Amino acid sequence: MRKLTVLLLLALGLPLAAQPELSHPQELPDAVPMGFATRTGSFQAGQGVPIDTLDIDDGRLLLVLKDDHTWYYIKNYDKLASDAVFSEAWNSSATDPYHVKLEDLPLRNTICLVDSASVFVSPNQTKVFSKFGYRHGRQHQGVDLPLKTGTPVYAAFDGRVRVSEYHSGYGNLIILRHENGLETFYGHLSKREVDVGDWVHAGDQIGLGGSTGRSTGPHLHFETRYKGYAFDPEWIADYETGKLRSNVFVLRRSYLSPTSRYVPESLDEEDDVYAADEKIVEEEQRKAAELAARRYYTVRSGDTLSTIAAKHGKSLRTIQQLNPGVNSNRLRIGQKIRVN
């Protein structure tokens, strides 16, 4: 196979490591392997059309040769399908098929987001409308990206479809699993355009945006998860610019807390990225204590935000700050209002 690869590269005039540059490849007709009908010189004016695919390394990547002396990598999905990440805890309907205890996960996990054969594409490039964390007393496990119904929604990374169905709350939902172990969720779609088991590339259209499920208007609900635990998608990308913050992401276990929002910082500073284990545990304990100390009030008939503030010895401004986005003129009976 190696000999055939070398011969093909010579035939195309592509450079080889540790080989002298061939200024006149057409003078080497004997380099063309038997059965390779196209003459060497005919590739000089190629249009970039793929003409062959070769196995390299461990078989997970394939090299595509083009007739204009260029090449690119693609992933060998037949090989990837045998990896444990695409078989363990594989369930075509559960949002969390792992059921792993948080304390059993490592304090940090270094995750490669993109490499020479893959890219990132924002599923819907726009400013984040509603952020990760608690909202109206309820956990919001992703970010909301506003769009018009029917707007194309794209796969953020290469991966395989694990879920494609209607889910209460999410509406039409697609879940992609990626070879680095992450999963991405795409909710409230008006239409799903991929099926369970399909392989997709970053940037492939997988559905259309909408407002299905528990939604107050058209938007894409986008989540990033690790082992079933959601973390703020803004840790990995800026969705307004459509760019990753870093090609490699160090996921701290403390980020998996529902109260852990992205905090702008330099991911190039080693002291910040590779924090001591004690610091990560301390951060987890602080967030857990903060969450346990929160108190909520259930709205009753006749309540207003002002009366709720007075009942709990708080100013109206404090209650509004604790409940960003709450509409003080449209409180609903049974609605949860945070009071400390």
Protein backbone atom coordinates (compact mmCIF):
# COMPACT_ATOMS: atom_id res chain seq x y z
CA MET A 1 0.00 0.00 0.00
CA ARG A 2 2.88 2.35 0.88
CA LYS A 3 4.52 1.70 -2.51
CA LEU A 4 1.26 2.44 -4.33
CA THR A 5 0.84 5.68 -2.36
CA VAL A 6 4.34 6.87 -3.29
CA LEU A 7 3.80 6.02 -6.92
CA LEU A 8 0.51 7.88 -7.03
CA LEU A 9 1.99 10.97 -5.41
CA LEU A 10 4.85 10.88 -7.93
CA ALA A 11 2.34 10.51 -10.73
CA LEU A 12 0.51 13.61 -9.55
CA GLY A 13 3.66 15.63 -9.10
CA LEU A 14 3.00 16.04 -5.34
CA PRO A 15 6.07 16.62 -3.11
CA LEU A 16 7.29 13.80 -0.87
CA ALA A 17 9.23 14.15 2.35
CA ALA A 18 12.97 13.42 1.97
CA GLN A 19 12.61 13.31 -1.82
CA PRO A 20 14.26 15.72 -4.33
CA GLU A 21 11.85 18.07 -6.03
CA LEU A 22 10.79 16.78 -9.43
CA SER A 23 10.89 19.68 -11.86
CA HIS A 24 9.85 17.49 -14.81
CA PRO A 25 7.51 14.75 -13.54
CA GLN A 26 6.39 14.08 -17.10
CA GLU A 27 9.84 12.62 -17.78
CA LEU A 28 9.08 9.71 -15.42
CA PRO A 29 6.38 7.70 -17.19
CA ASP A 30 7.63 4.54 -15.50
CA ALA A 31 6.48 5.96 -12.13
CA VAL A 32 2.86 5.43 -13.12
CA PRO A 33 1.68 2.10 -11.65
CA MET A 34 0.31 -0.60 -13.91
CA GLY A 35 -3.38 -0.19 -14.56
CA PHE A 36 -3.28 3.56 -13.87
CA ALA A 37 -4.61 4.66 -17.25
CA THR A 38 -4.34 8.46 -17.03
CA ARG A 39 -1.04 9.87 -18.31
CA THR A 40 1.06 11.82 -15.78
CA GLY A 41 1.16 15.10 -17.66
CA SER A 42 -2.64 15.35 -17.96
CA PHE A 43 -2.89 16.47 -14.30
CA GLN A 44 -1.01 19.71 -14.93
CA ALA A 45 -4.22 21.68 -15.62
CA GLY A 46 -6.50 19.96 -13.14
CA GLN A 47 -9.69 21.53 -11.82
CA GLY A 48 -9.41 20.24 -8.26
CA VAL A 49 -11.39 17.07 -8.87
CA PRO A 50 -10.74 14.22 -6.38
CA ILE A 51 -9.14 11.29 -8.17
CA ASP A 52 -8.16 8.85 -5.41
CA THR A 53 -8.46 8.18 -1.67
CA LEU A 54 -5.70 6.57 0.37
CA ASP A 55 -5.51 5.07 3.86
CA ILE A 56 -2.96 6.69 6.17
CA ASP A 57 -1.77 6.12 9.74
CA ASP A 58 -4.30 4.14 11.79
CA GLY A 59 -7.06 4.28 9.17
CA ARG A 60 -9.15 6.94 10.96
CA LEU A 61 -8.05 9.50 8.39
CA LEU A 62 -8.12 9.17 4.62
CA LEU A 63 -6.06 11.26 2.20
CA VAL A 64 -7.98 12.52 -0.84
CA LEU A 65 -5.78 13.32 -3.85
CA LYS A 66 -6.98 15.96 -6.33
CA ASP A 67 -5.99 16.49 -9.93
CA ASP A 68 -4.59 20.00 -9.27
CA HIS A 69 -1.68 18.73 -7.14
CA THR A 70 -3.47 19.36 -3.84
CA TRP A 71 -5.00 17.07 -1.24
CA TYR A 72 -7.14 17.11 1.90
CA TYR A 73 -8.05 14.82 4.76
CA ILE A 74 -11.41 13.20 5.44
CA LYS A 75 -12.45 10.94 8.28
CA ASN A 76 -12.98 7.24 7.84
CA TYR A 77 -16.39 6.81 9.46
CA ASP A 78 -16.35 3.04 9.00
CA LYS A 79 -13.30 2.97 11.27
CA LEU A 80 -14.67 5.56 13.72
CA ALA A 81 -17.90 3.59 14.12
CA SER A 82 -15.93 0.89 15.94
CA ASP A 83 -14.62 3.33 18.57
CA ALA A 84 -16.07 2.93 22.06
CA VAL A 85 -17.26 6.55 22.12
CA PHE A 86 -19.87 5.65 19.48
CA SER A 87 -21.07 2.46 21.14
CA GLU A 88 -20.93 2.92 24.92
CA ALA A 89 -24.05 4.48 26.48
CA TRP A 90 -25.57 4.80 23.00
CA ASN A 91 -29.31 5.43 23.35
CA SER A 92 -31.46 6.90 20.58
CA SER A 93 -33.98 8.60 22.87
CA ALA A 94 -32.43 9.46 26.28
CA THR A 95 -30.97 12.93 26.76
CA ASP A 96 -28.60 11.49 29.38
CA PRO A 97 -27.67 7.86 28.67
CA TYR A 98 -24.59 7.91 30.93
CA HIS A 99 -25.91 8.19 34.53
CA VAL A 100 -22.42 8.88 35.86
CA LYS A 101 -21.87 10.38 39.30
CA LEU A 102 -20.23 13.80 39.11
CA GLU A 103 -17.63 12.86 41.73
CA ASP A 104 -16.53 9.93 39.55
CA LEU A 105 -15.46 12.26 36.73
CA PRO A 106 -11.87 13.59 36.56
CA LEU A 107 -11.17 17.04 38.00
CA ARG A 108 -10.11 18.15 34.54
CA ASN A 109 -10.35 16.72 31.04
CA THR A 110 -8.34 18.04 28.10
CA ILE A 111 -10.55 17.97 24.99
CA CYS A 112 -9.36 18.52 21.43
CA LEU A 113 -12.14 20.42 19.66
CA VAL A 114 -10.69 20.61 16.13
CA ASP A 115 -7.73 19.15 14.29
CA SER A 116 -6.25 19.04 10.80
CA ALA A 117 -9.31 17.17 9.50
CA SER A 118 -12.10 19.05 11.28
CA VAL A 119 -13.43 22.53 11.96
CA PHE A 120 -16.00 24.33 14.09
CA VAL A 121 -19.09 26.01 12.63
CA SER A 122 -21.46 28.06 14.76
CA PRO A 123 -24.88 26.31 14.59
CA ASN A 124 -26.48 29.74 14.17
CA GLN A 125 -24.10 32.67 14.20
CA THR A 126 -25.64 35.39 16.33
CA LYS A 127 -25.45 37.05 19.74
CA VAL A 128 -26.53 34.87 22.66
CA PHE A 129 -30.04 35.89 23.74
CA SER A 130 -30.44 33.82 26.90
CA LYS A 131 -27.41 32.49 28.74
CA PHE A 132 -26.57 29.28 30.58
CA GLY A 133 -27.58 28.99 34.25
CA TYR A 134 -30.71 29.41 36.32
CA ARG A 135 -33.56 31.33 34.73
CA HIS A 136 -36.83 32.04 36.55
CA GLY A 137 -35.86 29.44 39.15
CA ARG A 138 -35.36 26.76 36.52
CA GLN A 139 -32.07 25.40 35.22
CA HIS A 140 -31.27 26.57 31.68
CA GLN A 141 -28.71 24.06 30.40
CA GLY A 142 -27.65 25.80 27.22
CA VAL A 143 -27.73 29.10 25.35
CA ASP A 144 -30.53 30.48 23.20
CA LEU A 145 -29.58 31.78 19.76
CA PRO A 146 -32.39 33.83 18.18
CA LEU A 147 -33.45 33.11 14.61
CA LYS A 148 -36.45 33.16 12.29
CA THR A 149 -38.48 30.00 11.80
CA GLY A 150 -37.05 28.09 8.87
CA THR A 151 -33.48 29.36 9.33
CA PRO A 152 -30.91 26.60 8.61
CA VAL A 153 -29.22 25.10 11.67
CA TYR A 154 -25.75 23.61 11.24
CA ALA A 155 -23.73 20.88 12.99
CA ALA A 156 -21.10 22.51 15.19
CA PHE A 157 -18.57 19.68 14.85
CA ASP A 158 -18.18 16.42 12.96
CA GLY A 159 -20.16 13.68 14.64
CA ARG A 160 -22.91 11.07 14.57
CA VAL A 161 -26.62 11.55 15.23
CA ARG A 162 -27.59 9.85 18.49
CA VAL A 163 -31.08 11.36 18.90
CA SER A 164 -33.47 12.81 16.33
CA GLU A 165 -37.02 13.01 17.63
CA TYR A 166 -39.60 15.17 19.40
CA HIS A 167 -38.85 15.65 23.12
CA SER A 168 -41.10 17.38 25.63
CA GLY A 169 -39.58 20.75 26.46
CA TYR A 170 -37.00 20.61 23.68
CA GLY A 171 -39.55 20.13 20.91
CA ASN A 172 -37.84 18.75 17.81
CA LEU A 173 -34.41 17.77 19.13
CA ILE A 174 -31.19 16.54 17.54
CA ILE A 175 -28.27 15.29 19.62
CA LEU A 176 -24.88 14.75 18.00
CA ARG A 177 -22.09 12.79 19.63
CA HIS A 178 -18.53 13.74 18.74
CA GLU A 179 -15.36 11.66 18.74
CA ASN A 180 -13.87 13.71 21.60
CA GLY A 181 -16.72 12.53 23.87
CA LEU A 182 -18.75 15.74 23.82
CA GLU A 183 -22.40 15.90 22.77
CA THR A 184 -24.20 18.90 21.27
CA PHE A 185 -27.96 19.50 21.50
CA TYR A 186 -30.11 21.42 18.98
CA GLY A 187 -33.60 22.12 20.29
CA HIS A 188 -36.94 23.77 19.28
CA LEU A 189 -36.37 22.92 15.60
CA SER A 190 -39.26 23.27 13.16
CA LYS A 191 -37.80 20.43 11.09
CA ARG A 192 -35.23 17.66 11.61
CA GLU A 193 -33.22 16.72 8.52
CA VAL A 194 -31.00 13.90 9.83
CA ASP A 195 -31.72 10.47 11.27
CA VAL A 196 -30.21 8.42 14.09
CA GLY A 197 -26.91 6.92 12.97
CA ASP A 198 -26.18 9.51 10.28
CA TRP A 199 -22.64 10.91 10.15
CA VAL A 200 -22.42 14.67 9.70
CA HIS A 201 -19.63 17.14 9.07
CA ALA A 202 -19.27 20.49 10.81
CA GLY A 203 -21.34 22.95 8.81
CA ASP A 204 -23.78 20.37 7.45
CA GLN A 205 -27.40 21.53 7.64
CA ILE A 206 -29.16 19.26 10.13
CA GLY A 207 -32.49 21.04 10.54
CA LEU A 208 -34.49 24.25 10.49
CA GLY A 209 -34.96 26.61 13.41
CA GLY A 210 -38.34 27.04 15.03
CA SER A 211 -40.28 27.29 18.29
CA THR A 212 -41.44 23.74 19.05
CA GLY A 213 -41.66 22.43 22.60
CA ARG A 214 -41.52 24.76 25.60
CA SER A 215 -40.55 27.93 23.78
CA THR A 216 -41.74 31.54 23.87
CA GLY A 217 -40.56 32.34 20.33
CA PRO A 218 -38.32 31.14 17.49
CA HIS A 219 -34.77 30.40 18.62
CA LEU A 220 -32.19 27.63 18.69
CA HIS A 221 -31.55 26.11 22.10
CA PHE A 222 -27.94 24.88 21.92
CA GLU A 223 -26.26 22.74 24.58
CA THR A 224 -22.83 21.23 25.11
CA ARG A 225 -22.54 18.20 27.40
CA TYR A 226 -19.91 15.84 28.74
CA LYS A 227 -20.96 12.45 30.15
CA GLY A 228 -24.51 13.76 30.43
CA TYR A 229 -23.59 16.95 32.31
CA ALA A 230 -24.26 20.29 30.65
CA PHE A 231 -21.71 23.10 30.74
CA ASP A 232 -21.89 26.64 29.42
CA PRO A 233 -21.38 26.51 25.61
CA GLU A 234 -19.74 29.92 25.83
CA TRP A 235 -16.69 28.25 27.40
CA ILE A 236 -15.77 26.89 23.97
CA ALA A 237 -16.92 29.51 21.45
CA ASP A 238 -18.07 33.05 20.76
CA TYR A 239 -21.31 32.51 18.85
CA GLU A 240 -21.55 36.10 17.65
CA THR A 241 -18.21 35.88 15.81
CA GLY A 242 -18.53 32.16 15.11
CA LYS A 243 -15.03 31.42 16.42
CA LEU A 244 -13.67 28.93 18.93
CA ARG A 245 -11.94 30.41 21.95
CA SER A 246 -9.25 27.72 21.67
CA ASN A 247 -8.64 24.57 19.63
CA VAL A 248 -8.06 22.64 22.86
CA PHE A 249 -10.44 23.04 25.80
CA VAL A 250 -9.64 22.08 29.38
CA LEU A 251 -12.96 21.14 30.95
CA ARG A 252 -12.83 21.48 34.73
CA ARG A 253 -15.31 19.39 36.68
CA SER A 254 -16.48 22.58 38.39
CA TYR A 255 -17.73 23.83 34.99
CA LEU A 256 -20.36 21.06 35.12
CA SER A 257 -22.21 22.87 37.92
CA PRO A 258 -25.49 24.46 36.75
CA THR A 259 -24.29 27.76 38.29
CA SER A 260 -20.95 27.83 36.45
CA ARG A 261 -21.12 30.40 33.68
CA TYR A 262 -18.32 31.31 31.29
CA VAL A 263 -16.00 33.93 32.72
CA PRO A 264 -13.83 35.75 30.17
CA GLU A 265 -10.18 34.93 30.82
CA SER A 266 -7.02 34.11 28.94
CA LEU A 267 -7.01 30.40 28.18
CA ASP A 268 -3.33 30.78 27.25
CA GLU A 269 -2.31 31.31 30.87
CA GLU A 270 -1.16 27.94 32.14
CA ASP A 271 -1.88 28.84 35.78
CA ASP A 272 -5.53 29.46 34.90
CA VAL A 273 -6.01 26.41 32.70
CA TYR A 274 -4.14 23.85 34.78
CA ALA A 275 -5.34 24.99 38.18
CA ALA A 276 -4.32 22.95 41.19
CA ASP A 277 -6.74 20.18 42.13
CA GLU A 278 -7.39 21.92 45.45
CA LYS A 279 -8.52 25.06 43.63
CA ILE A 280 -10.99 23.10 41.47
CA VAL A 281 -12.44 21.29 44.51
CA GLU A 282 -12.69 24.61 46.38
CA GLU A 283 -14.56 26.12 43.44
CA GLU A 284 -16.97 23.16 43.37
CA GLN A 285 -17.66 23.48 47.11
CA ARG A 286 -18.27 27.22 46.82
CA LYS A 287 -20.74 26.78 43.97
CA ALA A 288 -22.53 23.96 45.79
CA ALA A 289 -22.88 26.11 48.92
CA GLU A 290 -24.14 29.03 46.85
CA LEU A 291 -26.73 26.84 45.17
CA ALA A 292 -27.90 25.33 48.49
CA ALA A 293 -28.33 28.80 49.99
CA ARG A 294 -30.67 30.03 47.26
CA ARG A 295 -34.30 30.53 48.18
CA TYR A 296 -37.32 30.89 45.91
CA TYR A 297 -40.83 32.18 46.43
CA THR A 298 -43.83 30.75 44.58
CA VAL A 299 -46.06 33.47 43.14
CA ARG A 300 -49.61 33.55 44.46
CA SER A 301 -52.75 35.38 43.35
CA GLY A 302 -52.39 39.14 43.85
CA ASP A 303 -48.58 39.12 44.20
CA THR A 304 -46.45 41.76 42.57
CA LEU A 305 -42.68 41.98 42.43
CA SER A 306 -42.82 44.87 44.92
CA THR A 307 -44.92 42.95 47.47
CA ILE A 308 -42.67 39.91 47.12
CA ALA A 309 -39.62 42.13 47.76
CA ALA A 310 -41.26 43.64 50.84
CA LYS A 311 -42.21 40.21 52.25
CA HIS A 312 -38.58 39.15 52.20
CA GLY A 313 -36.99 42.41 53.30
CA LYS A 314 -35.42 43.10 49.92
CA SER A 315 -35.50 46.10 47.63
CA LEU A 316 -37.31 45.85 44.31
CA ARG A 317 -33.98 46.43 42.54
CA THR A 318 -32.38 43.48 44.37
CA ILE A 319 -35.22 41.14 43.38
CA GLN A 320 -34.94 42.31 39.77
CA GLN A 321 -31.18 41.66 39.78
CA LEU A 322 -31.72 38.16 41.21
CA ASN A 323 -34.26 37.40 38.47
CA PRO A 324 -32.87 38.81 35.20
CA GLY A 325 -35.44 38.93 32.44
CA VAL A 326 -38.46 38.63 34.75
CA ASN A 327 -41.47 40.67 33.58
CA SER A 328 -42.76 42.45 36.70
CA ASN A 329 -46.07 43.22 34.94
CA ARG A 330 -46.77 39.61 33.95
CA LEU A 331 -46.14 37.39 36.96
CA ARG A 332 -47.79 33.98 36.73
CA ILE A 333 -49.32 32.04 39.60
CA GLY A 334 -46.89 29.25 40.42
CA GLN A 335 -43.89 31.09 38.98
CA LYS A 336 -40.67 30.81 40.98
CA ILE A 337 -38.99 34.06 42.05
CA ARG A 338 -35.53 33.99 43.58
CA VAL A 339 -35.44 36.03 46.82
CA ASN A 340 -31.82 35.69 47.99
